[in-house]
Each structure stands twice: as C-alpha cells, then as structure tokens.
Amino acid sequence: MKDLLYLPDVVTLSLCEDTCNGCGMCIKVCPHEVFELSGRKARIIRKDYCMECGACALNCPVQAISVRSGVGCAAGIINGILRNSEPTCSCSGSSSNCC
C-alpha cells in the first residue's frame, strides 16, 4: 500500500487496549492498516495514517475505539488557514486528543 500520511499528530483516534477483546474487526474494516493484533489485542501501529472515517469505532463490538470522524485533520487545516501558517492543531508531541 502506498503511504497515505495525513497531518502528523492531529488524529483523534484512540484505543483502550484493556477493553479490546481481540476480535480483529478494526483490522478488517480499516482502509489504511492502522491496527494490528498483538498478544490477542489490537494496537495502533500507524496512527498518522488514520483518515478518521470512523469504521473501526462503529464496528468495534466492545467500544474500545474512539475517533471523532473528520475532526483532527479538518481542525488542523482550519487552524492553519486561520493562523496563516502550516496546518497544525498544536498537538505535536502530545498523546492527548486536544483537537
């Protein structure tokens, strides 16, 4: 797959590995191979490849995945326009979902 990187460090995707039951549905529905199974649990391996479509969260039977569809990259682009700067949400280096 060609690398489809969006804006770095703006994705709102999060996964609660403790809640994950290892069903693998997120892997099946993710178009950009953001997840992998490791030790019978899903984990995020390529977060910046997430396009925030929401398919993973909608198909997770135990609600272990959270993503605000379209918010991270959209917020980054809008913030860049408003600030007349490069697209960013000022979350660089942060593990929180501040967007």
Protein backbone atom coordinates (compact mmCIF):
# COMPACT_ATOMS: atom_id res chain seq x y z
CA MET A 1 0.00 0.00 0.00
CA LYS A 2 1.21 3.48 -0.79
CA ASP A 3 1.81 5.51 2.35
CA LEU A 4 -1.15 7.85 2.81
CA LEU A 5 0.02 10.11 5.59
CA TYR A 6 -2.27 12.92 6.62
CA LEU A 7 -1.30 15.70 9.02
CA PRO A 8 1.04 14.40 11.73
CA ASP A 9 -0.14 14.35 15.34
CA VAL A 10 -3.71 15.56 14.78
CA VAL A 11 -5.69 12.32 14.55
CA THR A 12 -8.35 11.87 17.25
CA LEU A 13 -8.11 8.06 17.17
CA SER A 14 -7.65 6.26 20.48
CA LEU A 15 -7.85 2.63 21.56
CA CYS A 16 -8.38 1.19 25.03
CA GLU A 17 -6.33 -1.99 24.85
CA ASP A 18 -7.75 -3.17 28.20
CA THR A 19 -11.28 -3.12 26.77
CA CYS A 20 -10.28 -4.73 23.43
CA ASN A 21 -11.43 -8.33 23.04
CA GLY A 22 -9.11 -9.11 20.11
CA CYS A 23 -11.89 -9.75 17.58
CA GLY A 24 -9.87 -8.07 14.81
CA MET A 25 -12.83 -6.21 13.34
CA CYS A 26 -10.86 -2.93 13.34
CA ILE A 27 -8.20 -4.58 11.19
CA LYS A 28 -10.79 -5.86 8.75
CA VAL A 29 -12.54 -2.51 8.25
CA CYS A 30 -9.60 -0.08 8.38
CA PRO A 31 -8.69 1.02 4.84
CA HIS A 32 -5.18 2.19 5.84
CA GLU A 33 -3.92 -0.67 8.02
CA VAL A 34 -3.70 1.46 11.16
CA PHE A 35 -4.15 -1.51 13.52
CA GLU A 36 -2.52 -4.87 14.15
CA LEU A 37 -3.21 -7.72 16.54
CA SER A 38 -0.52 -8.24 19.14
CA GLY A 39 -0.89 -10.59 22.07
CA ARG A 40 -4.59 -11.16 21.32
CA LYS A 41 -5.31 -7.44 21.47
CA ALA A 42 -5.49 -4.76 18.80
CA ARG A 43 -3.00 -1.95 18.90
CA ILE A 44 -2.49 1.19 16.85
CA ILE A 45 0.67 0.96 14.76
CA ARG A 46 0.23 3.78 12.22
CA LYS A 47 -1.91 6.46 13.85
CA ASP A 48 -1.00 9.21 11.41
CA TYR A 49 -2.34 7.04 8.56
CA CYS A 50 -5.86 7.24 10.02
CA MET A 51 -8.27 9.22 7.86
CA GLU A 52 -10.84 9.34 10.66
CA CYS A 53 -13.56 7.57 8.70
CA GLY A 54 -14.91 6.01 11.91
CA ALA A 55 -15.32 2.49 10.53
CA CYS A 56 -13.20 0.98 13.30
CA ALA A 57 -15.19 2.61 16.12
CA LEU A 58 -18.54 1.82 14.50
CA ASN A 59 -17.60 -1.85 14.11
CA CYS A 60 -15.93 -2.42 17.48
CA PRO A 61 -18.29 -4.66 19.47
CA VAL A 62 -16.87 -3.56 22.85
CA GLN A 63 -16.48 0.19 22.12
CA ALA A 64 -12.70 0.05 22.70
CA ILE A 65 -12.05 2.53 19.88
CA SER A 66 -12.83 6.21 19.82
CA VAL A 67 -12.42 8.60 16.89
CA ARG A 68 -14.11 11.88 16.10
CA SER A 69 -14.66 11.39 12.40
CA GLY A 70 -13.04 14.13 10.33
CA VAL A 71 -12.12 16.31 13.29
CA GLY A 72 -8.31 16.04 13.58
CA CYS A 73 -7.20 16.77 10.03
CA ALA A 74 -10.10 19.14 9.43
CA ALA A 75 -9.25 21.10 12.58
CA GLY A 76 -5.58 21.18 11.60
CA ILE A 77 -6.31 22.60 8.16
CA ILE A 78 -8.75 25.19 9.50
CA ASN A 79 -6.31 26.26 12.24
CA GLY A 80 -3.57 26.65 9.62
CA ILE A 81 -5.80 28.84 7.47
CA LEU A 82 -6.91 30.97 10.42
CA ARG A 83 -3.34 31.42 11.64
CA ASN A 84 -1.91 31.84 8.14
CA SER A 85 0.53 29.01 8.89
CA GLU A 86 1.17 25.37 8.17
CA PRO A 87 -1.74 23.06 9.05
CA THR A 88 -1.49 22.07 12.70
CA CYS A 89 -3.69 21.68 15.74
CA SER A 90 -0.84 22.46 18.15
CA CYS A 91 -0.94 18.90 19.48
CA SER A 92 2.56 17.92 18.30
CA GLY A 93 4.21 15.58 20.74
CA SER A 94 1.05 15.24 22.79
CA SER A 95 -0.70 11.94 23.29
CA SER A 96 -3.96 13.67 24.14
CA ASN A 97 -6.71 14.39 21.69
CA CYS A 98 -6.78 18.16 22.01
CA CYS A 99 -8.36 18.90 18.65
